PDB file of all heavy atoms in Angstrom:
ATOM      1  N   GLY A   1     119.635  54.045  81.564  1.00  0.00           N
ATOM      2  CA  GLY A   1     119.804  52.711  81.133  1.00  0.00           C
ATOM      3  C   GLY A   1     118.496  51.920  80.862  1.00  0.00           C
ATOM      4  O   GLY A   1     118.580  50.779  80.567  1.00  0.00           O
ATOM      5  N   GLU A   2     117.319  52.568  81.084  1.00  0.00           N
ATOM      6  CA  GLU A   2     116.155  51.777  80.852  1.00  0.00           C
ATOM      7  C   GLU A   2     115.791  51.877  79.426  1.00  0.00           C
ATOM      8  O   GLU A   2     115.905  52.823  78.783  1.00  0.00           O
ATOM      9  CB  GLU A   2     114.878  52.466  81.623  1.00  0.00           C
ATOM     10  CG  GLU A   2     115.135  52.207  83.124  1.00  0.00           C
ATOM     11  CD  GLU A   2     113.815  52.808  83.909  1.00  0.00           C
ATOM     12  OE1 GLU A   2     112.716  52.939  83.290  1.00  0.00           O
ATOM     13  OE2 GLU A   2     114.083  53.115  85.068  1.00  0.00           O
ATOM     14  N   THR A   3     115.241  50.772  78.866  1.00  0.00           N
ATOM     15  CA  THR A   3     114.858  50.801  77.473  1.00  0.00           C
ATOM     16  C   THR A   3     113.366  50.616  77.385  1.00  0.00           C
ATOM     17  O   THR A   3     112.715  49.974  78.296  1.00  0.00           O
ATOM     18  CB  THR A   3     115.444  49.626  76.645  1.00  0.00           C
ATOM     19  OG1 THR A   3     115.202  48.385  77.360  1.00  0.00           O
ATOM     20  CG2 THR A   3     117.041  49.797  76.688  1.00  0.00           C
ATOM     21  N   PRO A   4     112.727  51.262  76.481  1.00  0.00           N
ATOM     22  CA  PRO A   4     111.233  51.138  76.402  1.00  0.00           C
ATOM     23  C   PRO A   4     110.893  49.720  75.977  1.00  0.00           C
ATOM     24  O   PRO A   4     111.559  48.981  75.272  1.00  0.00           O
ATOM     25  CB  PRO A   4     110.887  52.096  75.150  1.00  0.00           C
ATOM     26  CG  PRO A   4     112.073  52.393  74.532  1.00  0.00           C
ATOM     27  CD  PRO A   4     113.190  52.117  75.400  1.00  0.00           C
ATOM     28  N   GLU A   5     109.598  49.275  76.453  1.00  0.00           N
ATOM     29  CA  GLU A   5     109.225  47.954  76.130  1.00  0.00           C
ATOM     30  C   GLU A   5     108.970  47.922  74.589  1.00  0.00           C
ATOM     31  O   GLU A   5     108.619  48.838  73.872  1.00  0.00           O
ATOM     32  CB  GLU A   5     108.032  47.617  76.859  1.00  0.00           C
ATOM     33  CG  GLU A   5     106.780  48.445  76.565  1.00  0.00           C
ATOM     34  CD  GLU A   5     105.664  48.089  77.487  1.00  0.00           C
ATOM     35  OE1 GLU A   5     105.783  48.148  78.756  1.00  0.00           O
ATOM     36  OE2 GLU A   5     104.596  47.719  76.949  1.00  0.00           O
ATOM     37  N   ALA A   6     108.975  46.698  74.094  1.00  0.00           N
ATOM     38  CA  ALA A   6     108.920  46.490  72.575  1.00  0.00           C
ATOM     39  C   ALA A   6     107.510  46.696  72.296  1.00  0.00           C
ATOM     40  O   ALA A   6     106.527  46.397  73.021  1.00  0.00           O
ATOM     41  CB  ALA A   6     109.405  45.019  72.337  1.00  0.00           C
ATOM     42  N   LEU A   7     107.267  47.179  71.075  1.00  0.00           N
ATOM     43  CA  LEU A   7     105.922  47.347  70.565  1.00  0.00           C
ATOM     44  C   LEU A   7     105.311  45.925  70.326  1.00  0.00           C
ATOM     45  O   LEU A   7     106.000  44.976  69.938  1.00  0.00           O
ATOM     46  CB  LEU A   7     105.940  48.167  69.271  1.00  0.00           C
ATOM     47  CG  LEU A   7     106.343  49.616  69.468  1.00  0.00           C
ATOM     48  CD1 LEU A   7     106.490  50.327  68.066  1.00  0.00           C
ATOM     49  CD2 LEU A   7     105.323  50.340  70.318  1.00  0.00           C
ATOM     50  N   PRO A   8     104.015  45.814  70.447  1.00  0.00           N
ATOM     51  CA  PRO A   8     103.368  44.551  70.112  1.00  0.00           C
ATOM     52  C   PRO A   8     103.367  44.318  68.571  1.00  0.00           C
ATOM     53  O   PRO A   8     103.368  45.224  67.829  1.00  0.00           O
ATOM     54  CB  PRO A   8     101.837  44.763  70.649  1.00  0.00           C
ATOM     55  CG  PRO A   8     101.755  46.156  70.756  1.00  0.00           C
ATOM     56  CD  PRO A   8     103.060  46.816  70.942  1.00  0.00           C
ATOM     57  N   GLU A   9     103.549  43.049  68.261  1.00  0.00           N
ATOM     58  CA  GLU A   9     103.563  42.683  66.956  1.00  0.00           C
ATOM     59  C   GLU A   9     102.071  42.816  66.286  1.00  0.00           C
ATOM     60  O   GLU A   9     101.312  41.933  66.591  1.00  0.00           O
ATOM     61  CB  GLU A   9     104.103  41.388  66.645  1.00  0.00           C
ATOM     62  CG  GLU A   9     105.562  41.366  67.054  1.00  0.00           C
ATOM     63  CD  GLU A   9     106.236  40.033  66.697  1.00  0.00           C
ATOM     64  OE1 GLU A   9     105.652  39.221  65.912  1.00  0.00           O
ATOM     65  OE2 GLU A   9     107.335  39.806  67.145  1.00  0.00           O
ATOM     66  N   VAL A  10     101.745  43.849  65.546  1.00  0.00           N
ATOM     67  CA  VAL A  10     100.514  44.023  65.025  1.00  0.00           C
ATOM     68  C   VAL A  10     100.615  44.191  63.513  1.00  0.00           C
ATOM     69  O   VAL A  10     101.659  44.638  62.960  1.00  0.00           O
ATOM     70  CB  VAL A  10      99.794  45.272  65.618  1.00  0.00           C
ATOM     71  CG1 VAL A  10      99.484  44.972  67.088  1.00  0.00           C
ATOM     72  CG2 VAL A  10     100.516  46.529  65.416  1.00  0.00           C
ATOM     73  N   ALA A  11      99.615  43.963  62.748  1.00  0.00           N
ATOM     74  CA  ALA A  11      99.432  44.210  61.297  1.00  0.00           C
ATOM     75  C   ALA A  11      98.195  45.060  61.181  1.00  0.00           C
ATOM     76  O   ALA A  11      97.263  45.067  61.979  1.00  0.00           O
ATOM     77  CB  ALA A  11      99.318  42.891  60.570  1.00  0.00           C
ATOM     78  N   PHE A  12      98.209  45.831  60.128  1.00  0.00           N
ATOM     79  CA  PHE A  12      97.143  46.705  59.750  1.00  0.00           C
ATOM     80  C   PHE A  12      96.461  46.159  58.493  1.00  0.00           C
ATOM     81  O   PHE A  12      97.144  46.076  57.476  1.00  0.00           O
ATOM     82  CB  PHE A  12      97.534  48.216  59.631  1.00  0.00           C
ATOM     83  CG  PHE A  12      97.991  48.800  60.914  1.00  0.00           C
ATOM     84  CD1 PHE A  12      99.313  48.813  61.182  1.00  0.00           C
ATOM     85  CD2 PHE A  12      97.140  49.269  61.816  1.00  0.00           C
ATOM     86  CE1 PHE A  12      99.720  49.249  62.446  1.00  0.00           C
ATOM     87  CE2 PHE A  12      97.475  49.709  62.969  1.00  0.00           C
ATOM     88  CZ  PHE A  12      98.890  49.771  63.373  1.00  0.00           C
ATOM     89  N   VAL A  13      95.251  45.802  58.534  1.00  0.00           N
ATOM     90  CA  VAL A  13      94.491  45.240  57.288  1.00  0.00           C
ATOM     91  C   VAL A  13      93.649  46.394  56.815  1.00  0.00           C
ATOM     92  O   VAL A  13      92.727  46.897  57.482  1.00  0.00           O
ATOM     93  CB  VAL A  13      93.597  44.087  57.726  1.00  0.00           C
ATOM     94  CG1 VAL A  13      92.952  43.641  56.606  1.00  0.00           C
ATOM     95  CG2 VAL A  13      94.395  43.007  58.387  1.00  0.00           C
ATOM     96  N   PRO A  14      94.045  46.964  55.585  1.00  0.00           N
ATOM     97  CA  PRO A  14      93.289  48.064  55.093  1.00  0.00           C
ATOM     98  C   PRO A  14      91.903  47.566  54.444  1.00  0.00           C
ATOM     99  O   PRO A  14      91.904  46.502  53.800  1.00  0.00           O
ATOM    100  CB  PRO A  14      94.219  48.565  53.879  1.00  0.00           C
ATOM    101  CG  PRO A  14      95.025  47.457  53.504  1.00  0.00           C
ATOM    102  CD  PRO A  14      95.234  46.584  54.801  1.00  0.00           C
ATOM    103  N   LEU A  15      90.807  48.290  54.724  1.00  0.00           N
ATOM    104  CA  LEU A  15      89.635  47.985  54.228  1.00  0.00           C
ATOM    105  C   LEU A  15      89.425  48.854  52.985  1.00  0.00           C
ATOM    106  O   LEU A  15      90.047  49.929  52.809  1.00  0.00           O
ATOM    107  CB  LEU A  15      88.595  48.307  55.182  1.00  0.00           C
ATOM    108  CG  LEU A  15      88.465  47.548  56.477  1.00  0.00           C
ATOM    109  CD1 LEU A  15      87.439  47.999  57.393  1.00  0.00           C
ATOM    110  CD2 LEU A  15      88.350  46.027  56.216  1.00  0.00           C
ATOM    111  N   ASP A  16      88.668  48.356  51.983  1.00  0.00           N
ATOM    112  CA  ASP A  16      88.442  49.104  50.769  1.00  0.00           C
ATOM    113  C   ASP A  16      87.612  50.342  51.048  1.00  0.00           C
ATOM    114  O   ASP A  16      86.698  50.300  51.938  1.00  0.00           O
ATOM    115  CB  ASP A  16      87.703  48.171  49.774  1.00  0.00           C
ATOM    116  CG  ASP A  16      88.357  46.958  49.381  1.00  0.00           C
ATOM    117  OD1 ASP A  16      89.671  47.001  49.333  1.00  0.00           O
ATOM    118  OD2 ASP A  16      87.829  45.888  49.011  1.00  0.00           O
ATOM    119  N   PRO A  17      87.893  51.487  50.445  1.00  0.00           N
ATOM    120  CA  PRO A  17      87.155  52.667  50.641  1.00  0.00           C
ATOM    121  C   PRO A  17      85.678  52.394  50.222  1.00  0.00           C
ATOM    122  O   PRO A  17      85.392  51.719  49.295  1.00  0.00           O
ATOM    123  CB  PRO A  17      87.781  53.693  49.727  1.00  0.00           C
ATOM    124  CG  PRO A  17      89.158  53.198  49.393  1.00  0.00           C
ATOM    125  CD  PRO A  17      88.994  51.665  49.569  1.00  0.00           C
ATOM    126  N   MET A  18      84.709  53.045  50.986  1.00  0.00           N
ATOM    127  CA  MET A  18      83.342  52.848  50.776  1.00  0.00           C
ATOM    128  C   MET A  18      82.688  54.312  50.531  1.00  0.00           C
ATOM    129  O   MET A  18      83.097  55.107  51.125  1.00  0.00           O
ATOM    130  CB  MET A  18      82.684  52.160  51.978  1.00  0.00           C
ATOM    131  CG  MET A  18      83.027  50.836  52.183  1.00  0.00           C
ATOM    132  SD  MET A  18      82.004  49.952  53.418  1.00  0.00           S
ATOM    133  CE  MET A  18      82.186  50.983  54.892  1.00  0.00           C
ATOM    134  N   VAL A  19      81.788  54.210  49.681  1.00  0.00           N
ATOM    135  CA  VAL A  19      80.851  55.352  49.532  1.00  0.00           C
ATOM    136  C   VAL A  19      79.459  54.870  49.816  1.00  0.00           C
ATOM    137  O   VAL A  19      78.864  54.026  49.119  1.00  0.00           O
ATOM    138  CB  VAL A  19      80.932  56.004  48.106  1.00  0.00           C
ATOM    139  CG1 VAL A  19      80.015  57.135  47.960  1.00  0.00           C
ATOM    140  CG2 VAL A  19      82.385  56.420  47.766  1.00  0.00           C
ATOM    141  N   VAL A  20      78.946  55.468  50.873  1.00  0.00           N
ATOM    142  CA  VAL A  20      77.558  54.947  51.431  1.00  0.00           C
ATOM    143  C   VAL A  20      76.542  56.077  51.111  1.00  0.00           C
ATOM    144  O   VAL A  20      76.792  57.174  51.477  1.00  0.00           O
ATOM    145  CB  VAL A  20      77.620  54.626  52.838  1.00  0.00           C
ATOM    146  CG1 VAL A  20      76.250  54.129  53.339  1.00  0.00           C
ATOM    147  CG2 VAL A  20      78.725  53.604  53.202  1.00  0.00           C
ATOM    148  N   SER A  21      75.502  55.723  50.374  1.00  0.00           N
ATOM    149  CA  SER A  21      74.370  56.675  50.171  1.00  0.00           C
ATOM    150  C   SER A  21      73.481  56.646  51.358  1.00  0.00           C
ATOM    151  O   SER A  21      73.132  55.608  51.848  1.00  0.00           O
ATOM    152  CB  SER A  21      73.640  56.271  48.906  1.00  0.00           C
ATOM    153  OG  SER A  21      72.978  55.027  48.936  1.00  0.00           O
ATOM    154  N   LEU A  22      73.262  57.775  51.835  1.00  0.00           N
ATOM    155  CA  LEU A  22      72.425  57.994  53.150  1.00  0.00           C
ATOM    156  C   LEU A  22      71.001  58.361  52.700  1.00  0.00           C
ATOM    157  O   LEU A  22      70.772  59.020  51.763  1.00  0.00           O
ATOM    158  CB  LEU A  22      73.007  59.077  53.964  1.00  0.00           C
ATOM    159  CG  LEU A  22      74.539  58.750  54.342  1.00  0.00           C
ATOM    160  CD1 LEU A  22      75.084  60.008  55.003  1.00  0.00           C
ATOM    161  CD2 LEU A  22      74.640  57.659  55.217  1.00  0.00           C
ATOM    162  N   GLY A  23      70.109  57.937  53.517  1.00  0.00           N
ATOM    163  CA  GLY A  23      68.591  58.164  53.245  1.00  0.00           C
ATOM    164  C   GLY A  23      68.382  59.615  53.627  1.00  0.00           C
ATOM    165  O   GLY A  23      69.243  60.414  54.182  1.00  0.00           O
ATOM    166  N   GLY A  24      67.181  60.115  53.325  1.00  0.00           N
ATOM    167  CA  GLY A  24      66.694  61.389  53.530  1.00  0.00           C
ATOM    168  C   GLY A  24      66.248  62.112  52.264  1.00  0.00           C
ATOM    169  O   GLY A  24      66.159  61.409  51.140  1.00  0.00           O
ATOM    170  N   THR A  25      65.887  63.428  52.388  1.00  0.00           N
ATOM    171  CA  THR A  25      65.356  64.041  51.242  1.00  0.00           C
ATOM    172  C   THR A  25      66.351  64.389  50.243  1.00  0.00           C
ATOM    173  O   THR A  25      66.133  64.307  49.100  1.00  0.00           O
ATOM    174  CB  THR A  25      64.598  65.319  51.687  1.00  0.00           C
ATOM    175  OG1 THR A  25      65.570  66.142  52.383  1.00  0.00           O
ATOM    176  CG2 THR A  25      63.397  64.933  52.546  1.00  0.00           C
ATOM    177  N   ALA A  26      67.460  64.798  50.612  1.00  0.00           N
ATOM    178  CA  ALA A  26      68.539  65.243  49.673  1.00  0.00           C
ATOM    179  C   ALA A  26      69.540  64.042  49.515  1.00  0.00           C
ATOM    180  O   ALA A  26      69.694  63.159  50.413  1.00  0.00           O
ATOM    181  CB  ALA A  26      69.353  66.362  50.325  1.00  0.00           C
ATOM    182  N   ALA A  27      70.127  63.927  48.306  1.00  0.00           N
ATOM    183  CA  ALA A  27      71.095  62.867  48.192  1.00  0.00           C
ATOM    184  C   ALA A  27      72.384  63.171  48.800  1.00  0.00           C
ATOM    185  O   ALA A  27      73.106  64.032  48.413  1.00  0.00           O
ATOM    186  CB  ALA A  27      71.269  62.673  46.592  1.00  0.00           C
ATOM    187  N   ARG A  28      72.583  62.451  49.813  1.00  0.00           N
ATOM    188  CA  ARG A  28      73.850  62.686  50.492  1.00  0.00           C
ATOM    189  C   ARG A  28      74.648  61.357  50.593  1.00  0.00           C
ATOM    190  O   ARG A  28      74.150  60.208  50.595  1.00  0.00           O
ATOM    191  CB  ARG A  28      73.477  63.035  52.142  1.00  0.00           C
ATOM    192  CG  ARG A  28      72.747  64.374  52.092  1.00  0.00           C
ATOM    193  CD  ARG A  28      72.605  64.908  53.376  1.00  0.00           C
ATOM    194  NE  ARG A  28      73.894  65.415  53.735  1.00  0.00           N
ATOM    195  CZ  ARG A  28      74.170  66.102  54.872  1.00  0.00           C
ATOM    196  NH1 ARG A  28      73.059  66.310  55.805  1.00  0.00           N
ATOM    197  NH2 ARG A  28      75.296  66.582  55.190  1.00  0.00           N
ATOM    198  N   HIS A  29      76.085  61.549  50.719  1.00  0.00           N
ATOM    199  CA  HIS A  29      76.974  60.388  50.671  1.00  0.00           C
ATOM    200  C   HIS A  29      77.902  60.482  51.800  1.00  0.00           C
ATOM    201  O   HIS A  29      78.166  61.535  52.274  1.00  0.00           O
ATOM    202  CB  HIS A  29      77.571  60.289  49.260  1.00  0.00           C
ATOM    203  CG  HIS A  29      76.735  59.976  48.164  1.00  0.00           C
ATOM    204  ND1 HIS A  29      75.942  60.957  47.572  1.00  0.00           N
ATOM    205  CD2 HIS A  29      76.334  58.863  47.650  1.00  0.00           C
ATOM    206  CE1 HIS A  29      75.247  60.443  46.539  1.00  0.00           C
ATOM    207  NE2 HIS A  29      75.414  59.203  46.612  1.00  0.00           N
ATOM    208  N   LEU A  30      78.412  59.379  52.171  1.00  0.00           N
ATOM    209  CA  LEU A  30      79.426  59.223  53.197  1.00  0.00           C
ATOM    210  C   LEU A  30      80.595  58.521  52.543  1.00  0.00           C
ATOM    211  O   LEU A  30      80.404  57.315  52.088  1.00  0.00           O
ATOM    212  CB  LEU A  30      78.956  58.508  54.430  1.00  0.00           C
ATOM    213  CG  LEU A  30      80.005  58.114  55.418  1.00  0.00           C
ATOM    214  CD1 LEU A  30      80.605  59.417  56.034  1.00  0.00           C
ATOM    215  CD2 LEU A  30      79.398  57.192  56.478  1.00  0.00           C
ATOM    216  N   ARG A  31      81.759  59.074  52.578  1.00  0.00           N
ATOM    217  CA  ARG A  31      83.034  58.360  52.170  1.00  0.00           C
ATOM    218  C   ARG A  31      83.657  57.969  53.381  1.00  0.00           C
ATOM    219  O   ARG A  31      83.872  58.638  54.350  1.00  0.00           O
ATOM    220  CB  ARG A  31      83.968  59.409  51.395  1.00  0.00           C
ATOM    221  CG  ARG A  31      83.432  59.751  50.024  1.00  0.00           C
ATOM    222  CD  ARG A  31      84.472  60.536  49.289  1.00  0.00           C
ATOM    223  NE  ARG A  31      85.754  59.803  49.274  1.00  0.00           N
ATOM    224  CZ  ARG A  31      86.810  60.124  48.635  1.00  0.00           C
ATOM    225  NH1 ARG A  31      86.774  61.177  47.907  1.00  0.00           N
ATOM    226  NH2 ARG A  31      87.911  59.379  48.696  1.00  0.00           N
ATOM    227  N   PHE A  32      84.004  56.624  53.449  1.00  0.00           N
ATOM    228  CA  PHE A  32      84.562  56.068  54.684  1.00  0.00           C
ATOM    229  C   PHE A  32      85.640  55.156  54.247  1.00  0.00           C
ATOM    230  O   PHE A  32      85.560  54.349  53.253  1.00  0.00           O
ATOM    231  CB  PHE A  32      83.366  55.150  55.357  1.00  0.00           C
ATOM    232  CG  PHE A  32      83.927  54.466  56.614  1.00  0.00           C
ATOM    233  CD1 PHE A  32      84.045  55.190  57.803  1.00  0.00           C
ATOM    234  CD2 PHE A  32      84.130  53.056  56.524  1.00  0.00           C
ATOM    235  CE1 PHE A  32      84.543  54.456  58.860  1.00  0.00           C
ATOM    236  CE2 PHE A  32      84.625  52.489  57.640  1.00  0.00           C
ATOM    237  CZ  PHE A  32      84.806  53.140  58.907  1.00  0.00           C
ATOM    238  N   ASN A  33      86.751  55.261  55.078  1.00  0.00           N
ATOM    239  CA  ASN A  33      87.981  54.457  54.850  1.00  0.00           C
ATOM    240  C   ASN A  33      88.472  54.124  56.178  1.00  0.00           C
ATOM    241  O   ASN A  33      88.494  54.981  56.981  1.00  0.00           O
ATOM    242  CB  ASN A  33      88.996  55.091  53.927  1.00  0.00           C
ATOM    243  CG  ASN A  33      90.050  54.114  53.507  1.00  0.00           C
ATOM    244  OD1 ASN A  33      89.963  52.961  53.658  1.00  0.00           O
ATOM    245  ND2 ASN A  33      90.986  54.824  52.666  1.00  0.00           N
ATOM    246  N   ALA A  34      88.809  52.821  56.317  1.00  0.00           N
ATOM    247  CA  ALA A  34      89.467  52.434  57.641  1.00  0.00           C
ATOM    248  C   ALA A  34      90.372  51.327  57.486  1.00  0.00           C
ATOM    249  O   ALA A  34      90.575  50.718  56.474  1.00  0.00           O
ATOM    250  CB  ALA A  34      88.222  51.934  58.558  1.00  0.00           C
ATOM    251  N   GLN A  35      91.148  51.010  58.651  1.00  0.00           N
ATOM    252  CA  GLN A  35      92.060  49.962  58.669  1.00  0.00           C
ATOM    253  C   GLN A  35      91.826  49.151  60.069  1.00  0.00           C
ATOM    254  O   GLN A  35      91.436  49.922  61.085  1.00  0.00           O
ATOM    255  CB  GLN A  35      93.503  50.462  58.681  1.00  0.00           C
ATOM    256  CG  GLN A  35      93.924  50.955  57.286  1.00  0.00           C
ATOM    257  CD  GLN A  35      95.343  51.282  57.206  1.00  0.00           C
ATOM    258  OE1 GLN A  35      96.141  50.868  58.013  1.00  0.00           O
ATOM    259  NE2 GLN A  35      95.791  51.684  55.996  1.00  0.00           N
ATOM    260  N   LEU A  36      92.017  47.973  59.965  1.00  0.00           N
ATOM    261  CA  LEU A  36      91.809  47.132  61.174  1.00  0.00           C
ATOM    262  C   LEU A  36      93.171  46.758  61.771  1.00  0.00           C
ATOM    263  O   LEU A  36      94.099  46.343  61.091  1.00  0.00           O
ATOM    264  CB  LEU A  36      91.101  45.931  60.849  1.00  0.00           C
ATOM    265  CG  LEU A  36      89.700  45.971  60.271  1.00  0.00           C
ATOM    266  CD1 LEU A  36      89.069  44.665  59.905  1.00  0.00           C
ATOM    267  CD2 LEU A  36      88.837  46.674  61.313  1.00  0.00           C
ATOM    268  N   GLU A  37      93.394  47.070  63.073  1.00  0.00           N
ATOM    269  CA  GLU A  37      94.644  46.673  63.779  1.00  0.00           C
ATOM    270  C   GLU A  37      94.438  45.235  64.366  1.00  0.00           C
ATOM    271  O   GLU A  37      93.482  45.033  65.199  1.00  0.00           O
ATOM    272  CB  GLU A  37      94.864  47.606  64.846  1.00  0.00           C
ATOM    273  CG  GLU A  37      96.193  47.336  65.649  1.00  0.00           C
ATOM    274  CD  GLU A  37      96.449  48.321  66.742  1.00  0.00           C
ATOM    275  OE1 GLU A  37      95.855  49.405  66.757  1.00  0.00           O
ATOM    276  OE2 GLU A  37      97.201  47.994  67.623  1.00  0.00           O
ATOM    277  N   VAL A  38      95.133  44.263  63.914  1.00  0.00           N
ATOM    278  CA  VAL A  38      95.122  42.896  64.224  1.00  0.00           C
ATOM    279  C   VAL A  38      96.379  42.394  64.750  1.00  0.00           C
ATOM    280  O   VAL A  38      97.419  42.873  64.315  1.00  0.00           O
ATOM    281  CB  VAL A  38      94.556  42.064  63.024  1.00  0.00           C
ATOM    282  CG1 VAL A  38      93.189  42.517  62.653  1.00  0.00           C
ATOM    283  CG2 VAL A  38      95.469  42.012  61.883  1.00  0.00           C
ATOM    284  N   PRO A  39      96.383  41.390  65.607  1.00  0.00           N
ATOM    285  CA  PRO A  39      97.596  40.661  66.020  1.00  0.00           C
ATOM    286  C   PRO A  39      98.183  40.061  64.686  1.00  0.00           C
ATOM    287  O   PRO A  39      97.457  39.531  63.850  1.00  0.00           O
ATOM    288  CB  PRO A  39      97.241  39.684  67.078  1.00  0.00           C
ATOM    289  CG  PRO A  39      96.012  40.261  67.590  1.00  0.00           C
ATOM    290  CD  PRO A  39      95.324  40.936  66.463  1.00  0.00           C
ATOM    291  N   LEU A  40      99.541  40.005  64.685  1.00  0.00           N
ATOM    292  CA  LEU A  40     100.195  39.485  63.491  1.00  0.00           C
ATOM    293  C   LEU A  40      99.784  38.133  63.189  1.00  0.00           C
ATOM    294  O   LEU A  40      99.704  37.595  61.984  1.00  0.00           O
ATOM    295  CB  LEU A  40     101.754  39.516  63.663  1.00  0.00           C
ATOM    296  CG  LEU A  40     102.652  39.531  62.421  1.00  0.00           C
ATOM    297  CD1 LEU A  40     102.125  40.569  61.425  1.00  0.00           C
ATOM    298  CD2 LEU A  40     104.093  39.684  62.816  1.00  0.00           C
ATOM    299  N   ALA A  41      99.472  37.209  64.197  1.00  0.00           N
ATOM    300  CA  ALA A  41      99.121  35.878  63.920  1.00  0.00           C
ATOM    301  C   ALA A  41      97.749  35.650  63.285  1.00  0.00           C
ATOM    302  O   ALA A  41      97.573  34.656  62.712  1.00  0.00           O
ATOM    303  CB  ALA A  41      99.109  35.142  65.347  1.00  0.00           C
ATOM    304  N   TYR A  42      96.885  36.701  63.351  1.00  0.00           N
ATOM    305  CA  TYR A  42      95.578  36.582  62.884  1.00  0.00           C
ATOM    306  C   TYR A  42      95.260  37.442  61.503  1.00  0.00           C
ATOM    307  O   TYR A  42      94.206  37.558  61.088  1.00  0.00           O
ATOM    308  CB  TYR A  42      94.471  37.125  63.921  1.00  0.00           C
ATOM    309  CG  TYR A  42      94.533  36.180  65.061  1.00  0.00           C
ATOM    310  CD1 TYR A  42      94.813  36.690  66.348  1.00  0.00           C
ATOM    311  CD2 TYR A  42      94.101  34.849  64.976  1.00  0.00           C
ATOM    312  CE1 TYR A  42      94.829  35.942  67.523  1.00  0.00           C
ATOM    313  CE2 TYR A  42      94.158  34.000  66.099  1.00  0.00           C
ATOM    314  CZ  TYR A  42      94.501  34.511  67.341  1.00  0.00           C
ATOM    315  OH  TYR A  42      94.395  33.848  68.451  1.00  0.00           O
ATOM    316  N   GLN A  43      96.398  38.003  61.081  1.00  0.00           N
ATOM    317  CA  GLN A  43      96.297  38.800  59.812  1.00  0.00           C
ATOM    318  C   GLN A  43      95.550  38.177  58.672  1.00  0.00           C
ATOM    319  O   GLN A  43      94.679  38.633  57.952  1.00  0.00           O
ATOM    320  CB  GLN A  43      97.656  39.430  59.477  1.00  0.00           C
ATOM    321  CG  GLN A  43      97.600  40.242  58.204  1.00  0.00           C
ATOM    322  CD  GLN A  43      98.932  40.823  57.854  1.00  0.00           C
ATOM    323  OE1 GLN A  43      99.922  40.468  58.363  1.00  0.00           O
ATOM    324  NE2 GLN A  43      98.869  41.758  56.841  1.00  0.00           N
TER     325      GLN A  43
END
């Protein structure tokens, strides 16, 4: 009869994908994509 607790109300704010050029002798790049988990009130 136990029910799991409710999930917190969160929103996910997607960030734009980034391609970052890295320093060094060879031309290297980093592809980065992320999302921010925020409370629904602050979305």
